[in-house]
Amino acid sequence: MAGPSARMLALLSLLQVHRDWPGDELAGRLEVSPRTLRRDVDRLRGLGYRVESLRGPAGGYRLAAGSDLPPLLFDDDQAVAIALALAVAPASGADIAESAARALATVRQVMPARLRSRIDSVHAVTSTGSVRTDPDVLVAVAEAVHLRELLRFGYGDDDTPHRVEPHAVVSRNGRWYLLDWDLDRADWRTHRIDRITPRMRTRVPFTPRPIPGDDAAAFVAARFKGSDSADVWPCVGTAVLEVGAGVVAPYLPEDAVLEPLGADRCRLTRGSWSWAALAAAFAGSTVDFTVEGPDELRAATAALAERLRGASAR
């Protein structure tokens, strides 16, 4: 029979799979008597774990959430995943850099040497950026999403209360956004959570609406591209650049399509939220180019040329 400490760790590992265990089955898995099992359960309770007893012919046990945070048990892969998540947490945009650093130091300190060396081999240099989100506000907004409760908040410098049905919290490029149905505008909106000031909790439930495309992250990405549905640019055009593909490639967005046409020419297809912006993007490459299409891009390029001539004449 294993010692008490080893048995308790094994018992905790079984209880953490979030299921109800019949007493006889749990004792059999641990190869102990029901009496020894009861003693080990009492020891776990003394450490702060809420182990509930189940009624029934054979009785049983279930691990429930407690009021305090007791010691936790992780396998090797879970411990490494937690440490890596804490290491890159500052890049998330939430204002938790100091707390994450302290938590990482705590986790690392109790790791065995074989795991500590795996963590130490990963040197993540992260940047918190200029925009930080209050973790308390982030949790409050996420809670409203989870509970499906109407949310009231002030936004930015505007003290007018917004009333929304919160549907999803989305992290994008180091910032956190709330995707919601704005009741006053009767439309989908995205709000930066770092600019939200929650009001008193409403406790008013709502029935979630179908998110267009059934993908909150993709829908928010589409809105940033000026699209109402799919995560694609509404304006896409092609031009031939009088420069080699290798010269211009490092300066293009990830979704641009580049086709080499020789040592000193390439075909570029890219998108933008408007034809005027797309014409400006091609012109901003500072190399000669010829528009291949569509006609909307040709017209926008001609209009841009007229504006630039006018600006230089003035």
C-alpha atoms as a PDB file:
ATOM      1  CA  MET A   1       0.000   0.000   0.000  1.00  0.00           C
ATOM      2  CA  ALA A   2       1.324   3.478  -0.838  1.00  0.00           C
ATOM      3  CA  GLY A   3       2.023   5.993   1.929  1.00  0.00           C
ATOM      4  CA  PRO A   4      -0.588   8.599   2.977  1.00  0.00           C
ATOM      5  CA  SER A   5       0.942  11.439   0.957  1.00  0.00           C
ATOM      6  CA  ALA A   6       1.121   9.407  -2.252  1.00  0.00           C
ATOM      7  CA  ARG A   7      -2.419   8.124  -1.702  1.00  0.00           C
ATOM      8  CA  MET A   8      -3.780  11.651  -1.217  1.00  0.00           C
ATOM      9  CA  LEU A   9      -2.136  12.851  -4.422  1.00  0.00           C
ATOM     10  CA  ALA A  10      -3.607   9.888  -6.300  1.00  0.00           C
ATOM     11  CA  LEU A  11      -7.012  10.531  -4.723  1.00  0.00           C
ATOM     12  CA  LEU A  12      -6.888  14.220  -5.641  1.00  0.00           C
ATOM     13  CA  SER A  13      -5.903  13.364  -9.205  1.00  0.00           C
ATOM     14  CA  LEU A  14      -8.947  11.102  -9.546  1.00  0.00           C
ATOM     15  CA  LEU A  15     -11.323  13.628  -7.978  1.00  0.00           C
ATOM     16  CA  GLN A  16     -10.130  16.384 -10.324  1.00  0.00           C
ATOM     17  CA  VAL A  17     -11.559  14.637 -13.390  1.00  0.00           C
ATOM     18  CA  HIS A  18     -14.897  16.232 -12.402  1.00  0.00           C
ATOM     19  CA  ARG A  19     -17.071  13.183 -11.943  1.00  0.00           C
ATOM     20  CA  ASP A  20     -18.950  11.502  -9.111  1.00  0.00           C
ATOM     21  CA  TRP A  21     -17.042   8.558  -7.721  1.00  0.00           C
ATOM     22  CA  PRO A  22     -18.805   5.669  -5.931  1.00  0.00           C
ATOM     23  CA  GLY A  23     -16.944   4.953  -2.716  1.00  0.00           C
ATOM     24  CA  ASP A  24     -16.250   1.307  -3.518  1.00  0.00           C
ATOM     25  CA  GLU A  25     -14.896   2.129  -6.976  1.00  0.00           C
ATOM     26  CA  LEU A  26     -12.669   4.906  -5.659  1.00  0.00           C
ATOM     27  CA  ALA A  27     -11.302   2.670  -2.891  1.00  0.00           C
ATOM     28  CA  GLY A  28     -10.655  -0.055  -5.466  1.00  0.00           C
ATOM     29  CA  ARG A  29      -8.746   2.323  -7.762  1.00  0.00           C
ATOM     30  CA  LEU A  30      -6.547   3.333  -4.818  1.00  0.00           C
ATOM     31  CA  GLU A  31      -6.279  -0.222  -3.490  1.00  0.00           C
ATOM     32  CA  VAL A  32      -7.337   0.805   0.022  1.00  0.00           C
ATOM     33  CA  SER A  33     -10.172  -0.032   2.380  1.00  0.00           C
ATOM     34  CA  PRO A  34     -13.275   2.211   2.606  1.00  0.00           C
ATOM     35  CA  ARG A  35     -12.106   3.254   6.080  1.00  0.00           C
ATOM     36  CA  THR A  36      -8.693   4.367   4.769  1.00  0.00           C
ATOM     37  CA  LEU A  37     -10.438   6.212   1.943  1.00  0.00           C
ATOM     38  CA  ARG A  38     -12.574   8.121   4.438  1.00  0.00           C
ATOM     39  CA  ARG A  39      -9.467   9.154   6.382  1.00  0.00           C
ATOM     40  CA  ASP A  40      -7.729  10.374   3.203  1.00  0.00           C
ATOM     41  CA  VAL A  41     -10.825  12.335   2.216  1.00  0.00           C
ATOM     42  CA  ASP A  42     -10.832  13.990   5.645  1.00  0.00           C
ATOM     43  CA  ARG A  43      -7.170  14.939   5.180  1.00  0.00           C
ATOM     44  CA  LEU A  44      -7.991  16.593   1.839  1.00  0.00           C
ATOM     45  CA  ARG A  45     -10.801  18.496   3.497  1.00  0.00           C
ATOM     46  CA  GLY A  46      -8.348  19.683   6.125  1.00  0.00           C
ATOM     47  CA  LEU A  47      -6.158  21.126   3.351  1.00  0.00           C
ATOM     48  CA  GLY A  48      -9.050  23.185   2.011  1.00  0.00           C
ATOM     49  CA  TYR A  49     -10.546  20.908  -0.632  1.00  0.00           C
ATOM     50  CA  ARG A  50     -14.327  20.710  -0.620  1.00  0.00           C
ATOM     51  CA  VAL A  51     -14.901  16.980  -1.058  1.00  0.00           C
ATOM     52  CA  GLU A  52     -18.636  16.359  -0.903  1.00  0.00           C
ATOM     53  CA  SER A  53     -20.119  13.052   0.216  1.00  0.00           C
ATOM     54  CA  LEU A  54     -22.745  11.529  -2.052  1.00  0.00           C
ATOM     55  CA  ARG A  55     -25.756   9.617  -0.890  1.00  0.00           C
ATOM     56  CA  GLY A  56     -26.571   6.173  -2.157  1.00  0.00           C
ATOM     57  CA  PRO A  57     -26.181   2.471  -1.365  1.00  0.00           C
ATOM     58  CA  ALA A  58     -22.372   2.613  -1.540  1.00  0.00           C
ATOM     59  CA  GLY A  59     -21.948   6.356  -0.970  1.00  0.00           C
ATOM     60  CA  GLY A  60     -19.458   8.332  -2.962  1.00  0.00           C
ATOM     61  CA  TYR A  61     -17.443  11.533  -3.309  1.00  0.00           C
ATOM     62  CA  ARG A  62     -17.285  14.609  -5.530  1.00  0.00           C
ATOM     63  CA  LEU A  63     -14.772  17.492  -5.605  1.00  0.00           C
ATOM     64  CA  ALA A  64     -16.613  20.828  -5.439  1.00  0.00           C
ATOM     65  CA  ALA A  65     -15.431  24.425  -5.709  1.00  0.00           C
ATOM     66  CA  GLY A  66     -14.310  25.892  -2.407  1.00  0.00           C
ATOM     67  CA  SER A  67     -14.192  29.346  -0.842  1.00  0.00           C
ATOM     68  CA  ASP A  68     -10.378  29.377  -0.730  1.00  0.00           C
ATOM     69  CA  LEU A  69      -7.726  28.316  -3.217  1.00  0.00           C
ATOM     70  CA  PRO A  70      -6.174  25.066  -1.932  1.00  0.00           C
ATOM     71  CA  PRO A  71      -2.998  23.429  -3.233  1.00  0.00           C
ATOM     72  CA  LEU A  72      -3.468  22.219  -6.809  1.00  0.00           C
ATOM     73  CA  LEU A  73      -2.194  19.145  -8.605  1.00  0.00           C
ATOM     74  CA  PHE A  74      -1.034  19.245 -12.219  1.00  0.00           C
ATOM     75  CA  ASP A  75       0.604  16.707 -14.464  1.00  0.00           C
ATOM     76  CA  ASP A  76       3.830  17.637 -16.310  1.00  0.00           C
ATOM     77  CA  ASP A  77       2.147  18.920 -19.472  1.00  0.00           C
ATOM     78  CA  GLN A  78      -0.361  21.004 -17.500  1.00  0.00           C
ATOM     79  CA  ALA A  79       2.409  22.576 -15.402  1.00  0.00           C
ATOM     80  CA  VAL A  80       4.424  23.526 -18.497  1.00  0.00           C
ATOM     81  CA  ALA A  81       1.317  24.946 -20.191  1.00  0.00           C
ATOM     82  CA  ILE A  82       0.510  27.105 -17.153  1.00  0.00           C
ATOM     83  CA  ALA A  83       4.061  28.412 -16.895  1.00  0.00           C
ATOM     84  CA  LEU A  84       4.211  29.309 -20.600  1.00  0.00           C
ATOM     85  CA  ALA A  85       0.813  31.019 -20.417  1.00  0.00           C
ATOM     86  CA  LEU A  86       2.001  33.112 -17.478  1.00  0.00           C
ATOM     87  CA  ALA A  87       5.216  34.012 -19.318  1.00  0.00           C
ATOM     88  CA  VAL A  88       3.345  35.535 -22.269  1.00  0.00           C
ATOM     89  CA  ALA A  89       0.451  36.954 -20.224  1.00  0.00           C
ATOM     90  CA  PRO A  90       1.718  40.582 -20.417  1.00  0.00           C
ATOM     91  CA  ALA A  91       1.206  40.511 -24.203  1.00  0.00           C
ATOM     92  CA  SER A  92      -2.504  39.808 -23.724  1.00  0.00           C
ATOM     93  CA  GLY A  93      -3.293  43.466 -23.040  1.00  0.00           C
ATOM     94  CA  ALA A  94      -4.734  42.795 -19.588  1.00  0.00           C
ATOM     95  CA  ASP A  95      -3.007  44.769 -16.827  1.00  0.00           C
ATOM     96  CA  ILE A  96      -1.677  41.666 -15.060  1.00  0.00           C
ATOM     97  CA  ALA A  97       2.054  41.759 -15.845  1.00  0.00           C
ATOM     98  CA  GLU A  98       3.169  42.013 -12.203  1.00  0.00           C
ATOM     99  CA  SER A  99       0.687  39.406 -10.964  1.00  0.00           C
ATOM    100  CA  ALA A 100       1.641  37.040 -13.788  1.00  0.00           C
ATOM    101  CA  ALA A 101       5.353  37.429 -12.997  1.00  0.00           C
ATOM    102  CA  ARG A 102       4.770  36.619  -9.326  1.00  0.00           C
ATOM    103  CA  ALA A 103       2.588  33.631 -10.212  1.00  0.00           C
ATOM    104  CA  LEU A 104       5.201  32.345 -12.660  1.00  0.00           C
ATOM    105  CA  ALA A 105       7.908  32.600  -9.992  1.00  0.00           C
ATOM    106  CA  THR A 106       5.703  30.653  -7.575  1.00  0.00           C
ATOM    107  CA  VAL A 107       4.950  27.900 -10.104  1.00  0.00           C
ATOM    108  CA  ARG A 108       8.584  27.659 -11.197  1.00  0.00           C
ATOM    109  CA  GLN A 109       9.818  27.369  -7.616  1.00  0.00           C
ATOM    110  CA  VAL A 110       7.846  24.182  -6.934  1.00  0.00           C
ATOM    111  CA  MET A 111       8.578  22.559 -10.306  1.00  0.00           C
ATOM    112  CA  PRO A 112      10.917  19.587 -10.478  1.00  0.00           C
ATOM    113  CA  ALA A 113      14.226  20.255 -12.199  1.00  0.00           C
ATOM    114  CA  ARG A 114      13.242  18.411 -15.389  1.00  0.00           C
ATOM    115  CA  LEU A 115      10.287  20.769 -15.931  1.00  0.00           C
ATOM    116  CA  ARG A 116      12.075  23.898 -14.770  1.00  0.00           C
ATOM    117  CA  SER A 117      14.733  23.397 -17.444  1.00  0.00           C
ATOM    118  CA  ARG A 118      12.021  23.170 -20.136  1.00  0.00           C
ATOM    119  CA  ILE A 119      10.526  26.471 -18.982  1.00  0.00           C
ATOM    120  CA  ASP A 120      13.878  28.230 -18.641  1.00  0.00           C
ATOM    121  CA  SER A 121      14.788  27.308 -22.222  1.00  0.00           C
ATOM    122  CA  VAL A 122      11.955  29.496 -23.496  1.00  0.00           C
ATOM    123  CA  HIS A 123      12.890  33.167 -23.304  1.00  0.00           C
ATOM    124  CA  ALA A 124       9.778  35.136 -24.223  1.00  0.00           C
ATOM    125  CA  VAL A 125      10.261  38.869 -24.666  1.00  0.00           C
ATOM    126  CA  THR A 126       6.815  40.458 -24.499  1.00  0.00           C
ATOM    127  CA  SER A 127       5.510  43.977 -24.671  1.00  0.00           C
ATOM    128  CA  THR A 128       2.502  45.200 -22.718  1.00  0.00           C
ATOM    129  CA  GLY A 129       1.835  47.964 -25.237  1.00  0.00           C
ATOM    130  CA  SER A 130       0.336  51.352 -24.474  1.00  0.00           C
ATOM    131  CA  VAL A 131      -3.218  50.066 -23.896  1.00  0.00           C
ATOM    132  CA  ARG A 132      -3.899  48.061 -20.771  1.00  0.00           C
ATOM    133  CA  THR A 133      -7.218  46.608 -19.687  1.00  0.00           C
ATOM    134  CA  ASP A 134      -8.253  46.606 -16.036  1.00  0.00           C
ATOM    135  CA  PRO A 135      -8.595  42.901 -15.111  1.00  0.00           C
ATOM    136  CA  ASP A 136     -11.560  43.674 -12.831  1.00  0.00           C
ATOM    137  CA  VAL A 137     -13.423  45.291 -15.733  1.00  0.00           C
ATOM    138  CA  LEU A 138     -12.471  42.409 -18.024  1.00  0.00           C
ATOM    139  CA  VAL A 139     -13.828  39.883 -15.522  1.00  0.00           C
ATOM    140  CA  ALA A 140     -17.035  41.892 -14.991  1.00  0.00           C
ATOM    141  CA  VAL A 141     -17.712  42.053 -18.728  1.00  0.00           C
ATOM    142  CA  ALA A 142     -16.875  38.374 -19.219  1.00  0.00           C
ATOM    143  CA  GLU A 143     -19.180  37.484 -16.338  1.00  0.00           C
ATOM    144  CA  ALA A 144     -22.062  39.335 -18.003  1.00  0.00           C
ATOM    145  CA  VAL A 145     -21.381  37.342 -21.178  1.00  0.00           C
ATOM    146  CA  HIS A 146     -21.320  34.075 -19.251  1.00  0.00           C
ATOM    147  CA  LEU A 147     -24.476  34.828 -17.252  1.00  0.00           C
ATOM    148  CA  ARG A 148     -26.267  36.247 -20.318  1.00  0.00           C
ATOM    149  CA  GLU A 149     -27.217  39.434 -18.493  1.00  0.00           C
ATOM    150  CA  LEU A 150     -27.820  42.862 -20.002  1.00  0.00           C
ATOM    151  CA  LEU A 151     -24.823  45.128 -19.478  1.00  0.00           C
ATOM    152  CA  ARG A 152     -24.844  48.871 -18.818  1.00  0.00           C
ATOM    153  CA  PHE A 153     -21.658  50.898 -19.069  1.00  0.00           C
ATOM    154  CA  GLY A 154     -20.136  54.257 -19.794  1.00  0.00           C
ATOM    155  CA  TYR A 155     -17.790  54.370 -22.759  1.00  0.00           C
ATOM    156  CA  GLY A 156     -14.727  56.554 -23.095  1.00  0.00           C
ATOM    157  CA  ASP A 157     -15.446  60.178 -22.256  1.00  0.00           C
ATOM    158  CA  ASP A 158     -19.136  59.708 -23.019  1.00  0.00           C
ATOM    159  CA  ASP A 159     -21.128  59.486 -19.796  1.00  0.00           C
ATOM    160  CA  THR A 160     -24.250  58.350 -21.644  1.00  0.00           C
ATOM    161  CA  PRO A 161     -25.029  54.799 -20.480  1.00  0.00           C
ATOM    162  CA  HIS A 162     -24.877  52.118 -23.145  1.00  0.00           C
ATOM    163  CA  ARG A 163     -27.301  49.185 -22.904  1.00  0.00           C
ATOM    164  CA  VAL A 164     -26.155  46.055 -24.672  1.00  0.00           C
ATOM    165  CA  GLU A 165     -26.615  42.319 -24.863  1.00  0.00           C
ATOM    166  CA  PRO A 166     -23.029  41.054 -24.376  1.00  0.00           C
ATOM    167  CA  HIS A 167     -22.255  38.026 -26.537  1.00  0.00           C
ATOM    168  CA  ALA A 168     -18.482  37.479 -26.568  1.00  0.00           C
ATOM    169  CA  VAL A 169     -15.153  38.791 -25.310  1.00  0.00           C
ATOM    170  CA  VAL A 170     -12.514  38.770 -28.067  1.00  0.00           C
ATOM    171  CA  SER A 171      -8.761  39.341 -27.755  1.00  0.00           C
ATOM    172  CA  ARG A 172      -7.189  40.915 -30.849  1.00  0.00           C
ATOM    173  CA  ASN A 173      -3.695  42.347 -31.303  1.00  0.00           C
ATOM    174  CA  GLY A 174      -3.131  42.968 -27.609  1.00  0.00           C
ATOM    175  CA  ARG A 175      -6.532  44.552 -26.994  1.00  0.00           C
ATOM    176  CA  TRP A 176      -9.790  43.182 -25.606  1.00  0.00           C
ATOM    177  CA  TYR A 177     -13.142  43.800 -27.275  1.00  0.00           C
ATOM    178  CA  LEU A 178     -16.751  43.138 -26.363  1.00  0.00           C
ATOM    179  CA  LEU A 179     -18.990  41.938 -29.178  1.00  0.00           C
ATOM    180  CA  ASP A 180     -22.526  42.943 -28.306  1.00  0.00           C
ATOM    181  CA  TRP A 181     -25.959  43.746 -29.653  1.00  0.00           C
ATOM    182  CA  ASP A 182     -26.543  47.436 -28.942  1.00  0.00           C
ATOM    183  CA  LEU A 183     -30.174  47.817 -27.880  1.00  0.00           C
ATOM    184  CA  ASP A 184     -30.330  51.547 -28.647  1.00  0.00           C
ATOM    185  CA  ARG A 185     -28.842  51.167 -32.153  1.00  0.00           C
ATOM    186  CA  ALA A 186     -30.413  47.765 -32.910  1.00  0.00           C
ATOM    187  CA  ASP A 187     -27.165  46.511 -34.427  1.00  0.00           C
ATOM    188  CA  TRP A 188     -24.004  44.577 -33.639  1.00  0.00           C
ATOM    189  CA  ARG A 189     -21.209  46.663 -32.110  1.00  0.00           C
ATOM    190  CA  THR A 190     -17.660  46.098 -30.864  1.00  0.00           C
ATOM    191  CA  HIS A 191     -16.500  48.070 -27.823  1.00  0.00           C
ATOM    192  CA  ARG A 192     -12.954  48.266 -26.503  1.00  0.00           C
ATOM    193  CA  ILE A 193     -13.043  46.918 -22.961  1.00  0.00           C
ATOM    194  CA  ASP A 194     -10.253  49.257 -21.810  1.00  0.00           C
ATOM    195  CA  ARG A 195     -12.704  52.139 -22.477  1.00  0.00           C
ATOM    196  CA  ILE A 196     -15.664  50.516 -20.686  1.00  0.00           C
ATOM    197  CA  THR A 197     -16.797  51.623 -17.229  1.00  0.00           C
ATOM    198  CA  PRO A 198     -19.380  49.092 -16.025  1.00  0.00           C
ATOM    199  CA  ARG A 199     -22.433  50.398 -14.183  1.00  0.00           C
ATOM    200  CA  MET A 200     -24.376  48.526 -11.527  1.00  0.00           C
ATOM    201  CA  ARG A 201     -25.115  44.931 -12.450  1.00  0.00           C
ATOM    202  CA  THR A 202     -28.544  44.664 -14.098  1.00  0.00           C
ATOM    203  CA  ARG A 203     -29.337  40.992 -13.387  1.00  0.00           C
ATOM    204  CA  VAL A 204     -31.678  41.188 -16.399  1.00  0.00           C
ATOM    205  CA  PRO A 205     -31.373  38.043 -18.555  1.00  0.00           C
ATOM    206  CA  PHE A 206     -31.492  38.010 -22.338  1.00  0.00           C
ATOM    207  CA  THR A 207     -31.668  35.354 -25.039  1.00  0.00           C
ATOM    208  CA  PRO A 208     -28.458  35.326 -27.138  1.00  0.00           C
ATOM    209  CA  ARG A 209     -28.799  36.122 -30.827  1.00  0.00           C
ATOM    210  CA  PRO A 210     -27.035  34.116 -33.545  1.00  0.00           C
ATOM    211  CA  ILE A 211     -23.680  35.759 -34.272  1.00  0.00           C
ATOM    212  CA  PRO A 212     -23.248  36.249 -38.045  1.00  0.00           C
ATOM    213  CA  GLY A 213     -21.067  33.422 -39.260  1.00  0.00           C
ATOM    214  CA  ASP A 214     -21.268  31.710 -35.841  1.00  0.00           C
ATOM    215  CA  ASP A 215     -17.699  32.871 -35.120  1.00  0.00           C
ATOM    216  CA  ALA A 216     -17.256  35.864 -32.812  1.00  0.00           C
ATOM    217  CA  ALA A 217     -13.525  36.304 -33.507  1.00  0.00           C
ATOM    218  CA  ALA A 218     -14.019  36.173 -37.280  1.00  0.00           C
ATOM    219  CA  PHE A 219     -16.941  38.606 -37.085  1.00  0.00           C
ATOM    220  CA  VAL A 220     -14.896  41.130 -35.082  1.00  0.00           C
ATOM    221  CA  ALA A 221     -11.999  40.753 -37.548  1.00  0.00           C
ATOM    222  CA  ALA A 222     -14.438  41.385 -40.410  1.00  0.00           C
ATOM    223  CA  ARG A 223     -15.673  44.582 -38.771  1.00  0.00           C
ATOM    224  CA  PHE A 224     -12.096  45.863 -38.601  1.00  0.00           C
ATOM    225  CA  LYS A 225     -11.837  45.301 -42.347  1.00  0.00           C
ATOM    226  CA  GLY A 226     -15.039  47.208 -43.007  1.00  0.00           C
ATOM    227  CA  SER A 227     -17.004  44.063 -43.813  1.00  0.00           C
ATOM    228  CA  ASP A 228     -20.422  43.283 -42.387  1.00  0.00           C
ATOM    229  CA  SER A 229     -20.079  39.513 -42.410  1.00  0.00           C
ATOM    230  CA  ALA A 230     -17.137  37.544 -43.815  1.00  0.00           C
ATOM    231  CA  ASP A 231     -13.558  38.150 -42.667  1.00  0.00           C
ATOM    232  CA  VAL A 232     -12.491  39.577 -46.033  1.00  0.00           C
ATOM    233  CA  TRP A 233     -11.663  43.040 -47.351  1.00  0.00           C
ATOM    234  CA  PRO A 234     -14.626  44.620 -49.150  1.00  0.00           C
ATOM    235  CA  CYS A 235     -12.284  46.126 -51.769  1.00  0.00           C
ATOM    236  CA  VAL A 236      -9.642  43.917 -53.421  1.00  0.00           C
ATOM    237  CA  GLY A 237      -7.503  44.912 -56.401  1.00  0.00           C
ATOM    238  CA  THR A 238      -4.431  43.917 -58.383  1.00  0.00           C
ATOM    239  CA  ALA A 239      -1.511  45.889 -59.796  1.00  0.00           C
ATOM    240  CA  VAL A 240       1.851  45.108 -61.377  1.00  0.00           C
ATOM    241  CA  LEU A 241       4.780  46.671 -59.504  1.00  0.00           C
ATOM    242  CA  GLU A 242       8.027  47.580 -61.252  1.00  0.00           C
ATOM    243  CA  VAL A 243      10.154  45.988 -58.538  1.00  0.00           C
ATOM    244  CA  GLY A 244      11.232  42.485 -57.590  1.00  0.00           C
ATOM    245  CA  ALA A 245       8.936  40.519 -55.280  1.00  0.00           C
ATOM    246  CA  GLY A 246      11.682  40.079 -52.690  1.00  0.00           C
ATOM    247  CA  VAL A 247      12.057  43.849 -52.295  1.00  0.00           C
ATOM    248  CA  VAL A 248       8.429  44.563 -51.459  1.00  0.00           C
ATOM    249  CA  ALA A 249       7.451  41.321 -49.660  1.00  0.00           C
ATOM    250  CA  PRO A 250       8.657  42.354 -46.158  1.00  0.00           C
ATOM    251  CA  TYR A 251       6.359  45.383 -46.141  1.00  0.00           C
ATOM    252  CA  LEU A 252       3.088  43.690 -47.106  1.00  0.00           C
ATOM    253  CA  PRO A 253       0.236  42.513 -44.853  1.00  0.00           C
ATOM    254  CA  GLU A 254      -0.126  38.778 -44.279  1.00  0.00           C
ATOM    255  CA  ASP A 255      -3.176  38.438 -46.532  1.00  0.00           C
ATOM    256  CA  ALA A 256      -1.525  40.066 -49.572  1.00  0.00           C
ATOM    257  CA  VAL A 257      -0.825  37.801 -52.568  1.00  0.00           C
ATOM    258  CA  LEU A 258       2.469  38.387 -54.366  1.00  0.00           C
ATOM    259  CA  GLU A 259       3.400  36.787 -57.721  1.00  0.00           C
ATOM    260  CA  PRO A 260       6.941  37.223 -59.117  1.00  0.00           C
ATOM    261  CA  LEU A 261       7.019  38.194 -62.825  1.00  0.00           C
ATOM    262  CA  GLY A 262      10.780  38.289 -63.215  1.00  0.00           C
ATOM    263  CA  ALA A 263      13.734  39.888 -61.507  1.00  0.00           C
ATOM    264  CA  ASP A 264      12.290  43.407 -61.531  1.00  0.00           C
ATOM    265  CA  ARG A 265       8.492  42.973 -61.697  1.00  0.00           C
ATOM    266  CA  CYS A 266       5.766  41.362 -59.604  1.00  0.00           C
ATOM    267  CA  ARG A 267       1.983  41.211 -59.424  1.00  0.00           C
ATOM    268  CA  LEU A 268       0.381  42.243 -56.129  1.00  0.00           C
ATOM    269  CA  THR A 269      -3.186  41.592 -54.992  1.00  0.00           C
ATOM    270  CA  ARG A 270      -4.298  43.110 -51.719  1.00  0.00           C
ATOM    271  CA  GLY A 271      -7.367  44.516 -50.021  1.00  0.00           C
ATOM    272  CA  SER A 272      -8.576  47.497 -48.021  1.00  0.00           C
ATOM    273  CA  TRP A 273     -11.750  48.947 -46.500  1.00  0.00           C
ATOM    274  CA  SER A 274     -12.274  51.404 -49.388  1.00  0.00           C
ATOM    275  CA  TRP A 275     -11.097  51.890 -52.971  1.00  0.00           C
ATOM    276  CA  ALA A 276      -9.480  55.217 -52.065  1.00  0.00           C
ATOM    277  CA  ALA A 277      -7.525  53.570 -49.250  1.00  0.00           C
ATOM    278  CA  LEU A 278      -6.483  50.724 -51.551  1.00  0.00           C
ATOM    279  CA  ALA A 279      -5.242  53.177 -54.207  1.00  0.00           C
ATOM    280  CA  ALA A 280      -3.247  54.984 -51.511  1.00  0.00           C
ATOM    281  CA  ALA A 281      -1.768  51.664 -50.339  1.00  0.00           C
ATOM    282  CA  PHE A 282      -0.478  50.870 -53.831  1.00  0.00           C
ATOM    283  CA  ALA A 283       0.830  54.416 -54.253  1.00  0.00           C
ATOM    284  CA  GLY A 284       2.519  54.203 -50.867  1.00  0.00           C
ATOM    285  CA  SER A 285       4.836  51.477 -52.133  1.00  0.00           C
ATOM    286  CA  THR A 286       6.920  54.319 -53.698  1.00  0.00           C
ATOM    287  CA  VAL A 287       7.512  52.275 -56.875  1.00  0.00           C
ATOM    288  CA  ASP A 288       5.918  52.557 -60.306  1.00  0.00           C
ATOM    289  CA  PHE A 289       2.859  50.366 -60.747  1.00  0.00           C
ATOM    290  CA  THR A 290       0.128  49.616 -63.284  1.00  0.00           C
ATOM    291  CA  VAL A 291      -3.396  48.878 -62.147  1.00  0.00           C
ATOM    292  CA  GLU A 292      -4.799  45.654 -63.569  1.00  0.00           C
ATOM    293  CA  GLY A 293      -8.216  45.968 -62.006  1.00  0.00           C
ATOM    294  CA  PRO A 294     -10.948  46.219 -61.139  1.00  0.00           C
ATOM    295  CA  ASP A 295     -12.389  49.414 -62.621  1.00  0.00           C
ATOM    296  CA  GLU A 296     -13.146  50.798 -59.155  1.00  0.00           C
ATOM    297  CA  LEU A 297      -9.435  50.710 -58.324  1.00  0.00           C
ATOM    298  CA  ARG A 298      -8.558  52.437 -61.616  1.00  0.00           C
ATOM    299  CA  ALA A 299     -11.028  55.223 -60.851  1.00  0.00           C
ATOM    300  CA  ALA A 300      -9.780  55.598 -57.278  1.00  0.00           C
ATOM    301  CA  THR A 301      -6.167  55.738 -58.474  1.00  0.00           C
ATOM    302  CA  ALA A 302      -7.020  58.457 -61.024  1.00  0.00           C
ATOM    303  CA  ALA A 303      -8.852  60.458 -58.350  1.00  0.00           C
ATOM    304  CA  LEU A 304      -5.877  60.116 -56.007  1.00  0.00           C
ATOM    305  CA  ALA A 305      -3.533  61.337 -58.741  1.00  0.00           C
ATOM    306  CA  GLU A 306      -5.700  64.442 -59.247  1.00  0.00           C
ATOM    307  CA  ARG A 307      -5.706  65.146 -55.513  1.00  0.00           C
ATOM    308  CA  LEU A 308      -1.926  64.827 -55.340  1.00  0.00           C
ATOM    309  CA  ARG A 309      -1.443  67.124 -58.342  1.00  0.00           C
ATOM    310  CA  GLY A 310      -3.727  69.663 -56.752  1.00  0.00           C
ATOM    311  CA  ALA A 311      -1.896  69.431 -53.461  1.00  0.00           C
ATOM    312  CA  SER A 312       1.491  69.946 -55.108  1.00  0.00           C
ATOM    313  CA  ALA A 313       0.172  72.905 -57.137  1.00  0.00           C
ATOM    314  CA  ARG A 314      -1.108  74.615 -53.994  1.00  0.00           C
END
